[in-house]
Amino acid sequence: MIHIQKASIHDAKILSEVGFYSFKSAHGHSAPKKDIEEYMSKNFTESVFLKELSNEKNHFYLIKYNEVIVGYTLIIFNKNEPQILFENPAYLSRIYLLEAYYGLGLGKQLFNFIKSICIENKQSGIWLNVWVENQRAISFYKKQGFEIVGKSNYQISATHSNPNHVMFLPL
């Protein structure tokens, strides 16, 4: 059984854990080990998620599979990006799923949910950044209708950044 629900401040710990392991499996080899470990220790803590959950612009949703939280998403409405020519697009900041749950169609269901709430909130489209070497994610986004529209860099450490595609899906 699959269930998607809005996250609350009480979900900060599980969000930090799911985020940590999801990021590690998708990006753990994208930079020197020391840089990745430092990045993860700074960005996937309960206190970081408490702060993010307290920001009313951040919309976190959890996906549960058989009553277990296996992923989450973070959406920010009306967040413009210079490479996107549409007004008021939604920024899909994160869509994370634990690797053990790949292949069950959960990512597709979570994305369909994201798309529906973006439409409900009158967003002109959805944009995101994805690491250029994350072929699994790029393929997934292309299947959902996204196109590569630009480039960005994602800073992992003071000495390392990852090249990213900016992808966009008009709604």
N, C-alpha and C. Protein backbone atom coordinates (compact mmCIF):
# COMPACT_ATOMS: atom_id res chain seq x y z
N MET A 1 0.84 -1.18 0.00
CA MET A 1 0.00 0.00 0.00
C MET A 1 0.89 1.25 0.00
N ILE A 2 0.51 2.22 -0.81
CA ILE A 2 1.28 3.46 -0.95
C ILE A 2 0.45 4.62 -0.42
N HIS A 3 1.12 5.47 0.36
CA HIS A 3 0.44 6.64 0.92
C HIS A 3 1.41 7.83 0.87
N ILE A 4 0.90 8.98 0.43
CA ILE A 4 1.70 10.21 0.39
C ILE A 4 1.04 11.21 1.31
N GLN A 5 1.84 11.84 2.17
CA GLN A 5 1.31 12.80 3.13
C GLN A 5 2.27 13.95 3.33
N LYS A 6 1.73 15.09 3.73
CA LYS A 6 2.55 16.26 4.04
C LYS A 6 3.39 15.96 5.28
N ALA A 7 4.64 16.34 5.23
CA ALA A 7 5.53 16.15 6.37
C ALA A 7 5.30 17.26 7.39
N SER A 8 5.58 16.94 8.63
CA SER A 8 5.47 17.93 9.71
C SER A 8 6.82 18.06 10.40
N ILE A 9 6.88 18.97 11.32
CA ILE A 9 8.09 19.21 12.09
C ILE A 9 8.54 17.93 12.81
N HIS A 10 7.60 17.05 13.11
CA HIS A 10 7.89 15.79 13.80
C HIS A 10 8.60 14.77 12.91
N ASP A 11 8.68 15.07 11.63
CA ASP A 11 9.30 14.15 10.67
C ASP A 11 10.76 14.50 10.36
N ALA A 12 11.32 15.46 11.06
CA ALA A 12 12.68 15.92 10.77
C ALA A 12 13.70 14.79 10.85
N LYS A 13 13.60 13.95 11.85
CA LYS A 13 14.59 12.87 12.01
C LYS A 13 14.51 11.88 10.86
N ILE A 14 13.34 11.42 10.51
CA ILE A 14 13.22 10.44 9.43
C ILE A 14 13.60 11.08 8.09
N LEU A 15 13.28 12.35 7.88
CA LEU A 15 13.69 13.02 6.66
C LEU A 15 15.22 13.08 6.57
N SER A 16 15.88 13.35 7.69
CA SER A 16 17.34 13.41 7.65
C SER A 16 17.92 12.04 7.32
N GLU A 17 17.33 10.99 7.85
CA GLU A 17 17.83 9.64 7.58
C GLU A 17 17.59 9.22 6.13
N VAL A 18 16.38 9.42 5.64
CA VAL A 18 16.07 9.06 4.26
C VAL A 18 16.90 9.90 3.30
N GLY A 19 17.02 11.19 3.59
CA GLY A 19 17.84 12.06 2.75
C GLY A 19 19.29 11.63 2.72
N PHE A 20 19.84 11.30 3.87
CA PHE A 20 21.23 10.87 3.99
C PHE A 20 21.49 9.64 3.11
N TYR A 21 20.69 8.60 3.27
CA TYR A 21 20.94 7.36 2.54
C TYR A 21 20.60 7.48 1.05
N SER A 22 19.59 8.26 0.73
CA SER A 22 19.24 8.47 -0.69
C SER A 22 20.33 9.25 -1.40
N PHE A 23 20.81 10.30 -0.76
CA PHE A 23 21.87 11.11 -1.36
C PHE A 23 23.13 10.27 -1.53
N LYS A 24 23.46 9.51 -0.51
CA LYS A 24 24.68 8.69 -0.56
C LYS A 24 24.62 7.69 -1.72
N SER A 25 23.50 7.03 -1.92
CA SER A 25 23.42 6.03 -2.99
C SER A 25 23.45 6.68 -4.37
N ALA A 26 22.88 7.88 -4.52
CA ALA A 26 22.84 8.54 -5.83
C ALA A 26 24.08 9.39 -6.11
N HIS A 27 24.68 9.95 -5.07
CA HIS A 27 25.76 10.92 -5.28
C HIS A 27 27.05 10.60 -4.53
N GLY A 28 27.08 9.50 -3.81
CA GLY A 28 28.24 9.17 -2.98
C GLY A 28 29.55 9.07 -3.73
N HIS A 29 29.48 8.84 -5.02
CA HIS A 29 30.69 8.72 -5.84
C HIS A 29 30.91 9.96 -6.72
N SER A 30 30.17 11.02 -6.47
CA SER A 30 30.23 12.21 -7.34
C SER A 30 31.34 13.18 -6.98
N ALA A 31 32.00 12.93 -5.87
CA ALA A 31 33.06 13.83 -5.39
C ALA A 31 34.00 13.01 -4.52
N PRO A 32 35.14 13.57 -4.16
CA PRO A 32 36.02 12.86 -3.24
C PRO A 32 35.28 12.49 -1.95
N LYS A 33 35.61 11.32 -1.41
CA LYS A 33 34.91 10.78 -0.24
C LYS A 33 34.84 11.79 0.90
N LYS A 34 35.96 12.48 1.17
CA LYS A 34 36.00 13.46 2.26
C LYS A 34 34.98 14.58 2.02
N ASP A 35 34.88 15.05 0.79
CA ASP A 35 33.92 16.12 0.46
C ASP A 35 32.49 15.65 0.64
N ILE A 36 32.19 14.43 0.17
CA ILE A 36 30.84 13.88 0.31
C ILE A 36 30.48 13.72 1.78
N GLU A 37 31.37 13.14 2.54
CA GLU A 37 31.09 12.92 3.98
C GLU A 37 30.85 14.24 4.70
N GLU A 38 31.66 15.24 4.39
CA GLU A 38 31.49 16.55 5.02
C GLU A 38 30.16 17.18 4.61
N TYR A 39 29.84 17.10 3.32
CA TYR A 39 28.57 17.64 2.81
C TYR A 39 27.38 16.97 3.51
N MET A 40 27.42 15.65 3.57
CA MET A 40 26.30 14.92 4.17
C MET A 40 26.17 15.21 5.65
N SER A 41 27.30 15.32 6.35
CA SER A 41 27.22 15.58 7.79
C SER A 41 26.68 16.98 8.09
N LYS A 42 26.83 17.90 7.15
CA LYS A 42 26.32 19.27 7.34
C LYS A 42 24.87 19.42 6.89
N ASN A 43 24.47 18.68 5.87
CA ASN A 43 23.18 18.92 5.22
C ASN A 43 22.07 17.93 5.55
N PHE A 44 22.40 16.82 6.18
CA PHE A 44 21.37 15.82 6.46
C PHE A 44 21.25 15.56 7.96
N THR A 45 21.15 16.64 8.71
CA THR A 45 20.96 16.54 10.15
C THR A 45 19.52 16.87 10.50
N GLU A 46 19.11 16.41 11.63
CA GLU A 46 17.75 16.70 12.10
C GLU A 46 17.55 18.21 12.24
N SER A 47 18.55 18.93 12.73
CA SER A 47 18.41 20.37 12.93
C SER A 47 18.25 21.11 11.60
N VAL A 48 18.94 20.66 10.56
CA VAL A 48 18.78 21.27 9.23
C VAL A 48 17.34 21.07 8.76
N PHE A 49 16.82 19.87 8.94
CA PHE A 49 15.45 19.61 8.50
C PHE A 49 14.43 20.34 9.35
N LEU A 50 14.68 20.51 10.63
CA LEU A 50 13.78 21.31 11.45
C LEU A 50 13.68 22.73 10.91
N LYS A 51 14.82 23.30 10.55
CA LYS A 51 14.83 24.64 9.98
C LYS A 51 14.09 24.68 8.65
N GLU A 52 14.36 23.70 7.78
CA GLU A 52 13.69 23.67 6.48
C GLU A 52 12.18 23.47 6.62
N LEU A 53 11.77 22.62 7.53
CA LEU A 53 10.34 22.38 7.76
C LEU A 53 9.64 23.61 8.33
N SER A 54 10.39 24.46 9.01
CA SER A 54 9.82 25.68 9.60
C SER A 54 9.61 26.79 8.56
N ASN A 55 10.22 26.65 7.41
CA ASN A 55 10.08 27.65 6.35
C ASN A 55 8.80 27.36 5.57
N GLU A 56 7.85 28.28 5.62
CA GLU A 56 6.54 28.05 5.00
C GLU A 56 6.60 27.92 3.47
N LYS A 57 7.71 28.33 2.86
CA LYS A 57 7.85 28.18 1.41
C LYS A 57 8.17 26.73 1.01
N ASN A 58 8.70 25.96 1.95
CA ASN A 58 9.07 24.58 1.68
C ASN A 58 7.90 23.64 1.90
N HIS A 59 7.60 22.84 0.90
CA HIS A 59 6.51 21.87 0.98
C HIS A 59 7.11 20.47 0.88
N PHE A 60 7.19 19.81 2.04
CA PHE A 60 7.72 18.45 2.11
C PHE A 60 6.57 17.46 2.12
N TYR A 61 6.74 16.38 1.37
CA TYR A 61 5.78 15.29 1.36
C TYR A 61 6.53 13.98 1.51
N LEU A 62 5.99 13.08 2.32
CA LEU A 62 6.56 11.76 2.55
C LEU A 62 5.82 10.74 1.70
N ILE A 63 6.55 9.73 1.23
CA ILE A 63 5.89 8.59 0.59
C ILE A 63 6.13 7.37 1.46
N LYS A 64 5.04 6.69 1.78
CA LYS A 64 5.11 5.47 2.60
C LYS A 64 4.75 4.28 1.71
N TYR A 65 5.46 3.21 1.94
CA TYR A 65 5.18 1.94 1.26
C TYR A 65 5.02 0.90 2.37
N ASN A 66 3.84 0.31 2.44
CA ASN A 66 3.53 -0.65 3.52
C ASN A 66 3.85 -0.05 4.89
N GLU A 67 3.41 1.20 5.09
CA GLU A 67 3.54 1.94 6.35
C GLU A 67 4.98 2.33 6.72
N VAL A 68 5.92 2.16 5.80
CA VAL A 68 7.31 2.55 6.04
C VAL A 68 7.63 3.76 5.18
N ILE A 69 8.21 4.81 5.76
CA ILE A 69 8.60 5.99 5.00
C ILE A 69 9.83 5.61 4.18
N VAL A 70 9.68 5.69 2.85
CA VAL A 70 10.75 5.23 1.95
C VAL A 70 11.28 6.35 1.06
N GLY A 71 10.70 7.54 1.16
CA GLY A 71 11.17 8.65 0.34
C GLY A 71 10.44 9.93 0.70
N TYR A 72 10.86 10.99 0.05
CA TYR A 72 10.21 12.28 0.25
C TYR A 72 10.51 13.20 -0.91
N THR A 73 9.77 14.28 -0.93
CA THR A 73 10.01 15.33 -1.92
C THR A 73 9.95 16.69 -1.23
N LEU A 74 10.65 17.64 -1.82
CA LEU A 74 10.60 19.03 -1.38
C LEU A 74 10.29 19.88 -2.60
N ILE A 75 9.19 20.62 -2.53
CA ILE A 75 8.75 21.48 -3.62
C ILE A 75 8.67 22.91 -3.10
N ILE A 76 9.09 23.84 -3.94
CA ILE A 76 8.97 25.27 -3.61
C ILE A 76 8.20 25.92 -4.76
N PHE A 77 7.03 26.47 -4.46
CA PHE A 77 6.18 27.08 -5.47
C PHE A 77 6.69 28.48 -5.83
N ASN A 78 6.40 28.88 -7.06
CA ASN A 78 6.69 30.24 -7.55
C ASN A 78 8.16 30.62 -7.38
N LYS A 79 9.04 29.71 -7.71
CA LYS A 79 10.48 29.97 -7.60
C LYS A 79 11.07 30.07 -9.01
N ASN A 80 11.31 31.29 -9.42
CA ASN A 80 11.83 31.52 -10.77
C ASN A 80 13.28 31.10 -10.88
N GLU A 81 13.66 30.73 -12.08
CA GLU A 81 15.03 30.33 -12.43
C GLU A 81 15.35 31.06 -13.72
N PRO A 82 16.47 31.78 -13.79
CA PRO A 82 16.79 32.59 -14.98
C PRO A 82 16.75 31.82 -16.31
N GLN A 83 17.02 30.52 -16.28
CA GLN A 83 17.04 29.73 -17.51
C GLN A 83 15.65 29.23 -17.92
N ILE A 84 14.66 29.51 -17.09
CA ILE A 84 13.27 29.11 -17.37
C ILE A 84 12.50 30.36 -17.77
N LEU A 85 11.88 30.33 -18.94
CA LEU A 85 11.22 31.52 -19.46
C LEU A 85 9.77 31.66 -19.01
N PHE A 86 9.29 30.76 -18.20
CA PHE A 86 7.92 30.80 -17.69
C PHE A 86 7.90 31.51 -16.34
N GLU A 87 6.81 32.22 -16.08
CA GLU A 87 6.62 32.86 -14.78
C GLU A 87 6.03 31.85 -13.80
N ASN A 88 6.43 31.96 -12.54
CA ASN A 88 5.87 31.17 -11.44
C ASN A 88 5.95 29.65 -11.63
N PRO A 89 7.13 29.14 -11.93
CA PRO A 89 7.25 27.69 -11.96
C PRO A 89 7.55 27.15 -10.56
N ALA A 90 7.27 25.89 -10.36
CA ALA A 90 7.61 25.23 -9.11
C ALA A 90 9.02 24.65 -9.24
N TYR A 91 9.75 24.72 -8.16
CA TYR A 91 11.09 24.14 -8.09
C TYR A 91 11.00 22.81 -7.36
N LEU A 92 11.32 21.75 -8.05
CA LEU A 92 11.38 20.43 -7.43
C LEU A 92 12.80 20.28 -6.87
N SER A 93 12.96 20.70 -5.64
CA SER A 93 14.28 20.74 -5.01
C SER A 93 14.81 19.34 -4.75
N ARG A 94 13.93 18.45 -4.32
CA ARG A 94 14.34 17.07 -4.03
C ARG A 94 13.21 16.10 -4.31
N ILE A 95 13.58 14.97 -4.82
CA ILE A 95 12.70 13.80 -4.89
C ILE A 95 13.61 12.62 -4.59
N TYR A 96 13.55 12.15 -3.36
CA TYR A 96 14.45 11.12 -2.87
C TYR A 96 13.67 9.85 -2.55
N LEU A 97 14.26 8.73 -2.93
CA LEU A 97 13.68 7.42 -2.66
C LEU A 97 14.82 6.49 -2.25
N LEU A 98 14.59 5.73 -1.20
CA LEU A 98 15.61 4.78 -0.78
C LEU A 98 15.83 3.74 -1.87
N GLU A 99 17.09 3.42 -2.12
CA GLU A 99 17.46 2.53 -3.23
C GLU A 99 16.77 1.17 -3.15
N ALA A 100 16.53 0.66 -1.97
CA ALA A 100 15.88 -0.64 -1.80
C ALA A 100 14.47 -0.66 -2.38
N TYR A 101 13.90 0.53 -2.64
CA TYR A 101 12.52 0.62 -3.13
C TYR A 101 12.45 1.05 -4.59
N TYR A 102 13.59 1.08 -5.27
CA TYR A 102 13.60 1.36 -6.71
C TYR A 102 12.86 0.23 -7.43
N GLY A 103 12.27 0.58 -8.55
CA GLY A 103 11.65 -0.42 -9.41
C GLY A 103 10.23 -0.81 -9.02
N LEU A 104 9.67 -0.17 -8.01
CA LEU A 104 8.31 -0.50 -7.57
C LEU A 104 7.28 0.50 -8.08
N GLY A 105 7.72 1.49 -8.86
CA GLY A 105 6.81 2.50 -9.37
C GLY A 105 6.52 3.61 -8.38
N LEU A 106 7.24 3.64 -7.27
CA LEU A 106 6.98 4.66 -6.24
C LEU A 106 7.39 6.05 -6.70
N GLY A 107 8.50 6.14 -7.41
CA GLY A 107 8.94 7.44 -7.92
C GLY A 107 7.92 8.03 -8.86
N LYS A 108 7.35 7.21 -9.71
CA LYS A 108 6.32 7.66 -10.66
C LYS A 108 5.08 8.13 -9.89
N GLN A 109 4.67 7.38 -8.89
CA GLN A 109 3.50 7.80 -8.11
C GLN A 109 3.76 9.09 -7.36
N LEU A 110 4.95 9.21 -6.80
CA LEU A 110 5.29 10.45 -6.09
C LEU A 110 5.34 11.61 -7.08
N PHE A 111 5.91 11.38 -8.25
CA PHE A 111 5.96 12.47 -9.23
C PHE A 111 4.56 12.86 -9.70
N ASN A 112 3.67 11.90 -9.92
CA ASN A 112 2.29 12.23 -10.31
C ASN A 112 1.62 13.08 -9.24
N PHE A 113 1.90 12.79 -7.98
CA PHE A 113 1.38 13.59 -6.88
C PHE A 113 1.94 15.01 -6.96
N ILE A 114 3.26 15.13 -7.15
CA ILE A 114 3.91 16.43 -7.27
C ILE A 114 3.27 17.24 -8.40
N LYS A 115 3.11 16.61 -9.53
CA LYS A 115 2.54 17.28 -10.70
C LYS A 115 1.13 17.78 -10.38
N SER A 116 0.33 16.96 -9.72
CA SER A 116 -1.05 17.37 -9.42
C SER A 116 -1.10 18.54 -8.44
N ILE A 117 -0.22 18.56 -7.42
CA ILE A 117 -0.27 19.71 -6.51
C ILE A 117 0.30 20.96 -7.16
N CYS A 118 1.21 20.79 -8.11
CA CYS A 118 1.71 21.97 -8.83
C CYS A 118 0.60 22.56 -9.71
N ILE A 119 -0.17 21.71 -10.32
CA ILE A 119 -1.30 22.18 -11.14
C ILE A 119 -2.33 22.86 -10.23
N GLU A 120 -2.65 22.24 -9.09
CA GLU A 120 -3.59 22.84 -8.14
C GLU A 120 -3.13 24.21 -7.67
N ASN A 121 -1.83 24.40 -7.56
CA ASN A 121 -1.27 25.67 -7.09
C ASN A 121 -0.91 26.61 -8.23
N LYS A 122 -1.46 26.31 -9.41
CA LYS A 122 -1.34 27.19 -10.59
C LYS A 122 0.11 27.50 -10.97
N GLN A 123 0.94 26.48 -10.93
CA GLN A 123 2.33 26.62 -11.35
C GLN A 123 2.42 26.46 -12.87
N SER A 124 3.27 27.24 -13.51
CA SER A 124 3.39 27.18 -14.98
C SER A 124 4.18 25.97 -15.44
N GLY A 125 4.92 25.37 -14.54
CA GLY A 125 5.73 24.21 -14.85
C GLY A 125 6.53 23.79 -13.63
N ILE A 126 7.40 22.82 -13.84
CA ILE A 126 8.25 22.31 -12.78
C ILE A 126 9.68 22.28 -13.31
N TRP A 127 10.61 22.81 -12.52
CA TRP A 127 12.01 22.75 -12.91
C TRP A 127 12.82 22.10 -11.79
N LEU A 128 13.98 21.60 -12.16
CA LEU A 128 14.85 20.93 -11.21
C LEU A 128 16.29 20.94 -11.72
N ASN A 129 17.20 20.62 -10.83
CA ASN A 129 18.60 20.40 -11.17
C ASN A 129 18.89 18.93 -10.97
N VAL A 130 19.68 18.35 -11.88
CA VAL A 130 20.06 16.94 -11.74
C VAL A 130 21.51 16.79 -12.19
N TRP A 131 22.28 16.07 -11.41
CA TRP A 131 23.68 15.81 -11.72
C TRP A 131 23.79 15.14 -13.09
N VAL A 132 24.68 15.64 -13.92
CA VAL A 132 24.79 15.17 -15.31
C VAL A 132 25.14 13.69 -15.41
N GLU A 133 25.72 13.11 -14.37
CA GLU A 133 26.07 11.69 -14.41
C GLU A 133 25.00 10.79 -13.77
N ASN A 134 23.92 11.38 -13.29
CA ASN A 134 22.85 10.58 -12.69
C ASN A 134 21.88 10.15 -13.80
N GLN A 135 22.33 9.21 -14.61
CA GLN A 135 21.55 8.79 -15.78
C GLN A 135 20.21 8.19 -15.40
N ARG A 136 20.13 7.50 -14.28
CA ARG A 136 18.86 6.91 -13.85
C ARG A 136 17.82 8.03 -13.64
N ALA A 137 18.22 9.08 -12.94
CA ALA A 137 17.30 10.19 -12.68
C ALA A 137 16.97 10.94 -13.96
N ILE A 138 17.97 11.20 -14.79
CA ILE A 138 17.72 11.92 -16.05
C ILE A 138 16.74 11.15 -16.91
N SER A 139 16.93 9.86 -17.01
CA SER A 139 16.01 9.02 -17.79
C SER A 139 14.59 9.08 -17.21
N PHE A 140 14.48 9.01 -15.89
CA PHE A 140 13.18 9.10 -15.23
C PHE A 140 12.50 10.42 -15.56
N TYR A 141 13.23 11.53 -15.43
CA TYR A 141 12.64 12.85 -15.69
C TYR A 141 12.23 13.00 -17.16
N LYS A 142 13.04 12.50 -18.05
CA LYS A 142 12.68 12.56 -19.48
C LYS A 142 11.40 11.77 -19.75
N LYS A 143 11.23 10.63 -19.10
CA LYS A 143 10.00 9.84 -19.26
C LYS A 143 8.77 10.61 -18.75
N GLN A 144 8.99 11.52 -17.80
CA GLN A 144 7.89 12.33 -17.27
C GLN A 144 7.62 13.55 -18.14
N GLY A 145 8.47 13.79 -19.14
CA GLY A 145 8.25 14.91 -20.05
C GLY A 145 9.20 16.07 -19.88
N PHE A 146 10.14 15.99 -18.96
CA PHE A 146 11.12 17.05 -18.76
C PHE A 146 12.09 17.13 -19.93
N GLU A 147 12.58 18.34 -20.18
CA GLU A 147 13.63 18.55 -21.16
C GLU A 147 14.76 19.32 -20.51
N ILE A 148 15.98 19.06 -20.97
CA ILE A 148 17.14 19.79 -20.50
C ILE A 148 17.10 21.18 -21.13
N VAL A 149 17.15 22.21 -20.27
CA VAL A 149 17.05 23.59 -20.77
C VAL A 149 18.25 24.45 -20.38
N GLY A 150 19.14 23.92 -19.57
CA GLY A 150 20.28 24.72 -19.15
C GLY A 150 21.22 23.93 -18.28
N LYS A 151 22.16 24.67 -17.70
CA LYS A 151 23.20 24.08 -16.86
C LYS A 151 23.31 24.84 -15.56
N SER A 152 23.82 24.15 -14.55
CA SER A 152 24.13 24.78 -13.27
C SER A 152 25.24 23.97 -12.61
N ASN A 153 25.79 24.49 -11.56
CA ASN A 153 26.78 23.76 -10.76
C ASN A 153 26.26 23.64 -9.35
N TYR A 154 26.45 22.47 -8.77
CA TYR A 154 26.01 22.21 -7.40
C TYR A 154 27.24 22.09 -6.52
N GLN A 155 27.37 22.98 -5.58
CA GLN A 155 28.56 23.05 -4.72
C GLN A 155 28.49 21.97 -3.65
N ILE A 156 29.45 21.07 -3.68
CA ILE A 156 29.56 20.01 -2.68
C ILE A 156 30.49 20.45 -1.54
N SER A 157 31.59 21.10 -1.92
CA SER A 157 32.56 21.57 -0.93
C SER A 157 33.23 22.83 -1.48
N ALA A 158 34.14 23.38 -0.71
CA ALA A 158 34.84 24.58 -1.17
C ALA A 158 35.67 24.30 -2.42
N THR A 159 36.04 23.05 -2.62
CA THR A 159 36.91 22.72 -3.76
C THR A 159 36.25 21.85 -4.82
N HIS A 160 34.97 21.50 -4.62
CA HIS A 160 34.32 20.61 -5.59
C HIS A 160 32.86 21.00 -5.84
N SER A 161 32.51 21.08 -7.11
CA SER A 161 31.10 21.25 -7.49
C SER A 161 30.79 20.25 -8.59
N ASN A 162 29.53 19.84 -8.64
CA ASN A 162 29.08 18.88 -9.65
C ASN A 162 28.31 19.61 -10.75
N PRO A 163 28.62 19.32 -12.00
CA PRO A 163 27.83 19.91 -13.09
C PRO A 163 26.43 19.30 -13.09
N ASN A 164 25.44 20.15 -13.27
CA ASN A 164 24.04 19.72 -13.28
C ASN A 164 23.36 20.19 -14.55
N HIS A 165 22.33 19.44 -14.95
CA HIS A 165 21.40 19.91 -15.97
C HIS A 165 20.28 20.63 -15.24
N VAL A 166 19.77 21.69 -15.84
CA VAL A 166 18.50 22.28 -15.42
C VAL A 166 17.47 21.66 -16.36
N MET A 167 16.45 21.05 -15.78
CA MET A 167 15.39 20.42 -16.59
C MET A 167 14.07 21.10 -16.27
N PHE A 168 13.18 21.11 -17.27
CA PHE A 168 11.90 21.80 -17.11
C PHE A 168 10.77 21.01 -17.77
N LEU A 169 9.63 21.04 -17.11
CA LEU A 169 8.40 20.45 -17.63
C LEU A 169 7.32 21.49 -17.56
N PRO A 170 6.85 22.01 -18.71
CA PRO A 170 5.73 22.96 -18.67
C PRO A 170 4.45 22.23 -18.27
N LEU A 171 3.58 22.94 -17.55
CA LEU A 171 2.29 22.34 -17.16
C LEU A 171 1.15 23.02 -17.88
